[in-house]
Amino acid sequence: MEEGREEFKKIAKGKGCILQWQDSNGEEHESPEEVWLDMLFGFCGCSDKEGMYSLVTKYMNKLSHGGGHEPEYYTSFIEELFRGDEVYFYFVANLVDTLGLAEHGTAIRGAWLTPAGEYALKLLTKQGFLETVDDYYN
């Protein structure tokens, strides 16, 4: 998981995230990991940030358990997570892919998590977003 953490930090730094800060004595400190997520995803607190994180977490969790290009899997995945709307699926899939947390071959519906994505999923799960996603739709 350390490889994933370092890859995640590299991606976050590349997106302009501030991962360390100096105190008044000039000592370096690492920013809390939940701050890394906010800076990387850029979700604004005045919107439904928890709902957006929950949806992304559920999508990434599904990727971490494998998937496939089979029509039945793809259809059930979109129905279960995005209430049948492919546009939302493609939006979330492209967001996660563009951030470098997932990658794919010929079709994004067969994506998989990168080591940085596995680490981000760990951070998102630690924040409780995997548990809240089912409540979001009810």
N, C-alpha and C. Protein backbone atom coordinates (compact mmCIF):
# COMPACT_ATOMS: atom_id res chain seq x y z
N MET A 1 0.83 -1.19 0.00
CA MET A 1 0.00 0.00 0.00
C MET A 1 0.87 1.26 0.00
N GLU A 2 2.11 1.16 0.47
CA GLU A 2 3.01 2.32 0.47
C GLU A 2 3.27 2.82 -0.94
N GLU A 3 3.38 1.90 -1.90
CA GLU A 3 3.55 2.30 -3.31
C GLU A 3 2.36 3.14 -3.75
N GLY A 4 1.17 2.72 -3.39
CA GLY A 4 -0.03 3.45 -3.74
C GLY A 4 -0.06 4.82 -3.09
N ARG A 5 0.41 4.91 -1.86
CA ARG A 5 0.44 6.20 -1.15
C ARG A 5 1.37 7.17 -1.87
N GLU A 6 2.53 6.70 -2.24
CA GLU A 6 3.50 7.57 -2.93
C GLU A 6 2.98 7.98 -4.31
N GLU A 7 2.34 7.04 -5.01
CA GLU A 7 1.76 7.37 -6.32
C GLU A 7 0.63 8.39 -6.17
N PHE A 8 -0.18 8.20 -5.13
CA PHE A 8 -1.27 9.13 -4.85
C PHE A 8 -0.71 10.53 -4.58
N LYS A 9 0.34 10.61 -3.76
CA LYS A 9 0.95 11.90 -3.44
C LYS A 9 1.51 12.56 -4.70
N LYS A 10 2.11 11.79 -5.57
CA LYS A 10 2.67 12.32 -6.80
C LYS A 10 1.56 12.91 -7.69
N ILE A 11 0.45 12.19 -7.81
CA ILE A 11 -0.69 12.67 -8.60
C ILE A 11 -1.24 13.95 -7.96
N ALA A 12 -1.41 13.94 -6.64
CA ALA A 12 -1.96 15.10 -5.94
C ALA A 12 -1.07 16.33 -6.11
N LYS A 13 0.24 16.13 -5.97
CA LYS A 13 1.17 17.25 -6.15
C LYS A 13 1.09 17.78 -7.58
N GLY A 14 0.98 16.89 -8.55
CA GLY A 14 0.87 17.29 -9.94
C GLY A 14 -0.38 18.11 -10.23
N LYS A 15 -1.41 17.92 -9.42
CA LYS A 15 -2.66 18.68 -9.57
C LYS A 15 -2.64 19.95 -8.72
N GLY A 16 -1.50 20.24 -8.10
CA GLY A 16 -1.36 21.47 -7.32
C GLY A 16 -1.76 21.37 -5.87
N CYS A 17 -1.95 20.17 -5.37
CA CYS A 17 -2.34 20.00 -3.97
C CYS A 17 -1.16 20.29 -3.04
N ILE A 18 -1.45 20.95 -1.94
CA ILE A 18 -0.43 21.26 -0.94
C ILE A 18 -0.44 20.12 0.08
N LEU A 19 0.61 19.32 0.06
CA LEU A 19 0.65 18.14 0.92
C LEU A 19 1.46 18.38 2.19
N GLN A 20 2.26 19.44 2.21
CA GLN A 20 3.07 19.76 3.38
C GLN A 20 2.99 21.24 3.65
N TRP A 21 3.21 21.63 4.89
CA TRP A 21 3.22 23.03 5.27
C TRP A 21 4.28 23.24 6.33
N GLN A 22 4.69 24.48 6.49
CA GLN A 22 5.70 24.84 7.49
C GLN A 22 5.04 25.62 8.62
N ASP A 23 5.43 25.28 9.84
CA ASP A 23 4.92 26.05 10.97
C ASP A 23 5.79 27.29 11.18
N SER A 24 5.49 28.07 12.20
CA SER A 24 6.22 29.32 12.44
C SER A 24 7.69 29.09 12.78
N ASN A 25 8.04 27.86 13.18
CA ASN A 25 9.43 27.52 13.47
C ASN A 25 10.16 26.99 12.24
N GLY A 26 9.47 26.92 11.11
CA GLY A 26 10.08 26.42 9.89
C GLY A 26 10.08 24.91 9.76
N GLU A 27 9.38 24.21 10.68
CA GLU A 27 9.33 22.75 10.62
C GLU A 27 8.25 22.32 9.62
N GLU A 28 8.60 21.27 8.83
CA GLU A 28 7.68 20.73 7.84
C GLU A 28 6.67 19.79 8.49
N HIS A 29 5.43 19.88 8.06
CA HIS A 29 4.37 18.98 8.54
C HIS A 29 3.57 18.51 7.33
N GLU A 30 3.05 17.31 7.43
CA GLU A 30 2.22 16.78 6.35
C GLU A 30 0.78 17.18 6.61
N SER A 31 0.09 17.63 5.57
CA SER A 31 -1.33 17.97 5.70
C SER A 31 -2.12 16.69 5.97
N PRO A 32 -3.25 16.78 6.68
CA PRO A 32 -4.07 15.59 6.91
C PRO A 32 -4.52 14.99 5.58
N GLU A 33 -4.60 13.68 5.52
CA GLU A 33 -4.93 12.99 4.27
C GLU A 33 -6.31 13.36 3.73
N GLU A 34 -7.26 13.65 4.61
CA GLU A 34 -8.59 14.04 4.11
C GLU A 34 -8.52 15.36 3.35
N VAL A 35 -7.56 16.21 3.72
CA VAL A 35 -7.36 17.46 2.98
C VAL A 35 -6.84 17.15 1.57
N TRP A 36 -6.00 16.11 1.46
CA TRP A 36 -5.50 15.71 0.14
C TRP A 36 -6.67 15.39 -0.78
N LEU A 37 -7.65 14.64 -0.26
CA LEU A 37 -8.81 14.27 -1.07
C LEU A 37 -9.56 15.51 -1.54
N ASP A 38 -9.80 16.44 -0.64
CA ASP A 38 -10.52 17.66 -1.01
C ASP A 38 -9.78 18.44 -2.09
N MET A 39 -8.47 18.53 -1.96
CA MET A 39 -7.70 19.28 -2.95
C MET A 39 -7.68 18.55 -4.29
N LEU A 40 -7.55 17.23 -4.26
CA LEU A 40 -7.47 16.46 -5.50
C LEU A 40 -8.79 16.47 -6.25
N PHE A 41 -9.88 16.14 -5.57
CA PHE A 41 -11.17 16.07 -6.25
C PHE A 41 -11.75 17.46 -6.51
N GLY A 42 -11.47 18.41 -5.65
CA GLY A 42 -11.96 19.77 -5.85
C GLY A 42 -13.44 19.94 -5.61
N PHE A 43 -14.05 19.03 -4.84
CA PHE A 43 -15.48 19.16 -4.55
C PHE A 43 -15.69 20.31 -3.57
N CYS A 44 -16.58 21.21 -3.89
CA CYS A 44 -16.84 22.37 -3.06
C CYS A 44 -17.73 22.00 -1.88
N GLY A 45 -17.43 22.57 -0.74
CA GLY A 45 -18.19 22.30 0.47
C GLY A 45 -19.60 22.87 0.45
N CYS A 46 -19.88 23.82 -0.45
CA CYS A 46 -21.23 24.40 -0.49
C CYS A 46 -22.19 23.52 -1.31
N SER A 47 -21.66 22.45 -1.91
CA SER A 47 -22.53 21.52 -2.64
C SER A 47 -22.69 20.27 -1.78
N ASP A 48 -23.16 19.20 -2.35
CA ASP A 48 -23.32 17.95 -1.60
C ASP A 48 -22.04 17.13 -1.72
N LYS A 49 -21.00 17.62 -1.06
CA LYS A 49 -19.69 16.98 -1.13
C LYS A 49 -19.75 15.53 -0.62
N GLU A 50 -20.47 15.29 0.45
CA GLU A 50 -20.57 13.94 1.00
C GLU A 50 -21.23 13.00 0.00
N GLY A 51 -22.28 13.45 -0.65
CA GLY A 51 -22.95 12.63 -1.66
C GLY A 51 -22.05 12.32 -2.84
N MET A 52 -21.28 13.32 -3.28
CA MET A 52 -20.37 13.10 -4.41
C MET A 52 -19.26 12.12 -4.02
N TYR A 53 -18.70 12.31 -2.82
CA TYR A 53 -17.67 11.37 -2.36
C TYR A 53 -18.23 9.96 -2.22
N SER A 54 -19.46 9.86 -1.73
CA SER A 54 -20.08 8.55 -1.57
C SER A 54 -20.24 7.83 -2.90
N LEU A 55 -20.68 8.56 -3.92
CA LEU A 55 -20.85 7.98 -5.25
C LEU A 55 -19.51 7.54 -5.83
N VAL A 56 -18.50 8.40 -5.73
CA VAL A 56 -17.16 8.06 -6.23
C VAL A 56 -16.60 6.86 -5.48
N THR A 57 -16.80 6.83 -4.16
CA THR A 57 -16.29 5.72 -3.34
C THR A 57 -16.94 4.41 -3.75
N LYS A 58 -18.25 4.43 -3.93
CA LYS A 58 -18.96 3.21 -4.33
C LYS A 58 -18.47 2.73 -5.70
N TYR A 59 -18.27 3.66 -6.63
CA TYR A 59 -17.76 3.31 -7.96
C TYR A 59 -16.36 2.69 -7.84
N MET A 60 -15.49 3.35 -7.10
CA MET A 60 -14.12 2.84 -6.96
C MET A 60 -14.10 1.50 -6.24
N ASN A 61 -14.97 1.32 -5.26
CA ASN A 61 -15.06 0.04 -4.57
C ASN A 61 -15.47 -1.07 -5.52
N LYS A 62 -16.40 -0.76 -6.41
CA LYS A 62 -16.83 -1.74 -7.42
C LYS A 62 -15.66 -2.11 -8.32
N LEU A 63 -14.86 -1.11 -8.73
CA LEU A 63 -13.69 -1.39 -9.56
C LEU A 63 -12.68 -2.26 -8.83
N SER A 64 -12.52 -2.04 -7.54
CA SER A 64 -11.52 -2.79 -6.79
C SER A 64 -11.86 -4.27 -6.67
N HIS A 65 -13.13 -4.61 -6.88
CA HIS A 65 -13.56 -6.01 -6.82
C HIS A 65 -13.67 -6.64 -8.20
N GLY A 66 -13.10 -5.98 -9.17
CA GLY A 66 -13.13 -6.54 -10.53
C GLY A 66 -14.42 -6.20 -11.23
N GLY A 67 -14.45 -6.45 -12.46
CA GLY A 67 -15.63 -6.14 -13.25
C GLY A 67 -15.56 -6.89 -14.54
N GLY A 68 -15.74 -6.18 -15.56
CA GLY A 68 -15.65 -6.83 -16.85
C GLY A 68 -16.44 -6.10 -17.90
N HIS A 69 -16.31 -6.60 -19.09
CA HIS A 69 -16.98 -6.00 -20.23
C HIS A 69 -18.29 -6.72 -20.55
N GLU A 70 -18.63 -7.77 -19.81
CA GLU A 70 -19.85 -8.51 -20.11
C GLU A 70 -21.06 -7.58 -19.98
N PRO A 71 -21.96 -7.62 -20.94
CA PRO A 71 -23.12 -6.73 -20.92
C PRO A 71 -23.94 -6.83 -19.62
N GLU A 72 -24.09 -8.04 -19.08
CA GLU A 72 -24.89 -8.21 -17.86
C GLU A 72 -24.25 -7.47 -16.68
N TYR A 73 -22.92 -7.60 -16.56
CA TYR A 73 -22.22 -6.93 -15.47
C TYR A 73 -22.34 -5.42 -15.62
N TYR A 74 -22.07 -4.94 -16.81
CA TYR A 74 -22.09 -3.51 -17.09
C TYR A 74 -23.48 -2.93 -16.84
N THR A 75 -24.51 -3.60 -17.33
CA THR A 75 -25.89 -3.12 -17.16
C THR A 75 -26.28 -3.10 -15.70
N SER A 76 -25.95 -4.16 -14.95
CA SER A 76 -26.33 -4.19 -13.53
C SER A 76 -25.55 -3.16 -12.73
N PHE A 77 -24.31 -2.93 -13.11
CA PHE A 77 -23.47 -1.93 -12.45
C PHE A 77 -24.08 -0.53 -12.61
N ILE A 78 -24.48 -0.20 -13.81
CA ILE A 78 -25.07 1.12 -14.08
C ILE A 78 -26.43 1.24 -13.40
N GLU A 79 -27.19 0.17 -13.43
CA GLU A 79 -28.51 0.20 -12.80
C GLU A 79 -28.37 0.37 -11.28
N GLU A 80 -27.47 -0.40 -10.68
CA GLU A 80 -27.30 -0.38 -9.23
C GLU A 80 -26.75 0.96 -8.74
N LEU A 81 -25.71 1.43 -9.35
CA LEU A 81 -25.00 2.59 -8.83
C LEU A 81 -25.50 3.92 -9.38
N PHE A 82 -25.94 3.93 -10.62
CA PHE A 82 -26.31 5.20 -11.26
C PHE A 82 -27.78 5.24 -11.66
N ARG A 83 -28.57 4.36 -11.09
CA ARG A 83 -30.00 4.29 -11.34
C ARG A 83 -30.32 4.22 -12.84
N GLY A 84 -29.44 3.53 -13.57
CA GLY A 84 -29.66 3.28 -14.99
C GLY A 84 -29.21 4.37 -15.94
N ASP A 85 -28.65 5.45 -15.42
CA ASP A 85 -28.26 6.57 -16.28
C ASP A 85 -26.78 6.48 -16.65
N GLU A 86 -26.51 6.13 -17.91
CA GLU A 86 -25.13 5.97 -18.38
C GLU A 86 -24.31 7.25 -18.33
N VAL A 87 -24.96 8.39 -18.49
CA VAL A 87 -24.23 9.66 -18.49
C VAL A 87 -23.53 9.86 -17.15
N TYR A 88 -24.21 9.57 -16.05
CA TYR A 88 -23.59 9.70 -14.73
C TYR A 88 -22.42 8.73 -14.58
N PHE A 89 -22.63 7.52 -15.07
CA PHE A 89 -21.55 6.54 -15.03
C PHE A 89 -20.31 7.07 -15.76
N TYR A 90 -20.50 7.55 -16.98
CA TYR A 90 -19.36 8.03 -17.76
C TYR A 90 -18.71 9.26 -17.11
N PHE A 91 -19.51 10.10 -16.50
CA PHE A 91 -18.95 11.27 -15.82
C PHE A 91 -18.03 10.84 -14.67
N VAL A 92 -18.52 9.97 -13.79
CA VAL A 92 -17.72 9.51 -12.64
C VAL A 92 -16.52 8.70 -13.13
N ALA A 93 -16.74 7.82 -14.09
CA ALA A 93 -15.64 6.99 -14.61
C ALA A 93 -14.54 7.86 -15.20
N ASN A 94 -14.91 8.88 -15.96
CA ASN A 94 -13.91 9.77 -16.55
C ASN A 94 -13.23 10.63 -15.51
N LEU A 95 -13.94 11.07 -14.48
CA LEU A 95 -13.33 11.84 -13.40
C LEU A 95 -12.23 11.02 -12.72
N VAL A 96 -12.57 9.81 -12.32
CA VAL A 96 -11.61 8.95 -11.62
C VAL A 96 -10.44 8.61 -12.54
N ASP A 97 -10.72 8.35 -13.80
CA ASP A 97 -9.67 8.04 -14.78
C ASP A 97 -8.75 9.25 -15.01
N THR A 98 -9.34 10.41 -15.20
CA THR A 98 -8.56 11.63 -15.46
C THR A 98 -7.65 11.98 -14.29
N LEU A 99 -8.10 11.71 -13.07
CA LEU A 99 -7.28 11.99 -11.89
C LEU A 99 -6.14 10.98 -11.73
N GLY A 100 -6.14 9.92 -12.55
CA GLY A 100 -5.08 8.92 -12.45
C GLY A 100 -5.33 7.86 -11.40
N LEU A 101 -6.58 7.78 -10.92
CA LEU A 101 -6.92 6.80 -9.88
C LEU A 101 -7.41 5.49 -10.49
N ALA A 102 -7.70 5.51 -11.78
CA ALA A 102 -8.09 4.31 -12.52
C ALA A 102 -7.51 4.43 -13.92
N GLU A 103 -7.46 3.31 -14.58
CA GLU A 103 -7.06 3.31 -15.99
C GLU A 103 -7.86 2.23 -16.69
N HIS A 104 -7.85 2.29 -18.00
CA HIS A 104 -8.65 1.33 -18.77
C HIS A 104 -7.97 1.02 -20.09
N GLY A 105 -8.44 -0.05 -20.70
CA GLY A 105 -7.93 -0.44 -22.01
C GLY A 105 -8.78 0.19 -23.09
N THR A 106 -9.46 -0.63 -23.87
CA THR A 106 -10.22 -0.12 -25.01
C THR A 106 -11.54 0.54 -24.62
N ALA A 107 -12.08 0.23 -23.43
CA ALA A 107 -13.35 0.83 -23.01
C ALA A 107 -13.30 1.15 -21.52
N ILE A 108 -13.77 2.33 -21.16
CA ILE A 108 -13.71 2.76 -19.77
C ILE A 108 -14.60 1.93 -18.86
N ARG A 109 -15.58 1.24 -19.43
CA ARG A 109 -16.45 0.43 -18.58
C ARG A 109 -15.73 -0.82 -18.06
N GLY A 110 -14.54 -1.08 -18.54
CA GLY A 110 -13.74 -2.19 -18.01
C GLY A 110 -12.53 -1.70 -17.25
N ALA A 111 -12.64 -0.53 -16.62
CA ALA A 111 -11.51 0.09 -15.91
C ALA A 111 -11.12 -0.69 -14.66
N TRP A 112 -9.93 -0.38 -14.17
CA TRP A 112 -9.43 -0.93 -12.91
C TRP A 112 -8.70 0.18 -12.17
N LEU A 113 -8.58 0.00 -10.85
CA LEU A 113 -7.90 1.01 -10.04
C LEU A 113 -6.39 0.90 -10.17
N THR A 114 -5.72 2.04 -10.17
CA THR A 114 -4.27 2.09 -10.09
C THR A 114 -3.89 1.93 -8.62
N PRO A 115 -2.60 1.74 -8.30
CA PRO A 115 -2.22 1.72 -6.88
C PRO A 115 -2.63 3.01 -6.15
N ALA A 116 -2.53 4.15 -6.83
CA ALA A 116 -2.98 5.42 -6.22
C ALA A 116 -4.48 5.38 -5.97
N GLY A 117 -5.23 4.77 -6.89
CA GLY A 117 -6.67 4.63 -6.72
C GLY A 117 -7.02 3.74 -5.55
N GLU A 118 -6.27 2.66 -5.37
CA GLU A 118 -6.48 1.78 -4.22
C GLU A 118 -6.25 2.55 -2.92
N TYR A 119 -5.21 3.39 -2.92
CA TYR A 119 -4.91 4.18 -1.74
C TYR A 119 -6.01 5.22 -1.49
N ALA A 120 -6.46 5.89 -2.56
CA ALA A 120 -7.54 6.87 -2.43
C ALA A 120 -8.81 6.20 -1.90
N LEU A 121 -9.10 5.00 -2.39
CA LEU A 121 -10.27 4.26 -1.90
C LEU A 121 -10.13 3.98 -0.40
N LYS A 122 -8.93 3.65 0.03
CA LYS A 122 -8.69 3.42 1.46
C LYS A 122 -8.99 4.69 2.26
N LEU A 123 -8.53 5.84 1.76
CA LEU A 123 -8.79 7.11 2.45
C LEU A 123 -10.28 7.44 2.46
N LEU A 124 -10.95 7.24 1.34
CA LEU A 124 -12.38 7.52 1.24
C LEU A 124 -13.18 6.61 2.17
N THR A 125 -12.79 5.34 2.22
CA THR A 125 -13.48 4.38 3.09
C THR A 125 -13.25 4.74 4.55
N LYS A 126 -12.02 5.15 4.87
CA LYS A 126 -11.69 5.55 6.24
C LYS A 126 -12.54 6.75 6.68
N GLN A 127 -12.89 7.61 5.73
CA GLN A 127 -13.73 8.78 6.04
C GLN A 127 -15.21 8.40 6.19
N GLY A 128 -15.55 7.14 5.90
CA GLY A 128 -16.92 6.68 6.08
C GLY A 128 -17.81 6.83 4.86
N PHE A 129 -17.24 7.16 3.71
CA PHE A 129 -18.07 7.41 2.54
C PHE A 129 -18.65 6.14 1.93
N LEU A 130 -18.05 5.01 2.14
CA LEU A 130 -18.60 3.77 1.59
C LEU A 130 -19.89 3.40 2.31
N GLU A 131 -19.96 3.66 3.60
CA GLU A 131 -21.15 3.32 4.37
C GLU A 131 -22.31 4.25 4.07
N THR A 132 -22.02 5.50 3.71
CA THR A 132 -23.09 6.48 3.54
C THR A 132 -23.75 6.45 2.17
N VAL A 133 -23.14 5.77 1.20
CA VAL A 133 -23.67 5.85 -0.17
C VAL A 133 -25.07 5.27 -0.29
N ASP A 134 -25.39 4.21 0.43
CA ASP A 134 -26.72 3.63 0.33
C ASP A 134 -27.77 4.56 0.91
N ASP A 135 -27.41 5.30 1.95
CA ASP A 135 -28.34 6.26 2.54
C ASP A 135 -28.60 7.43 1.59
N TYR A 136 -27.64 7.71 0.73
CA TYR A 136 -27.75 8.85 -0.18
C TYR A 136 -28.95 8.71 -1.11
N TYR A 137 -29.25 7.49 -1.53
CA TYR A 137 -30.33 7.27 -2.49
C TYR A 137 -31.67 7.01 -1.82
N ASN A 138 -31.68 6.80 -0.52
CA ASN A 138 -32.95 6.48 0.17
C ASN A 138 -33.61 7.71 0.74
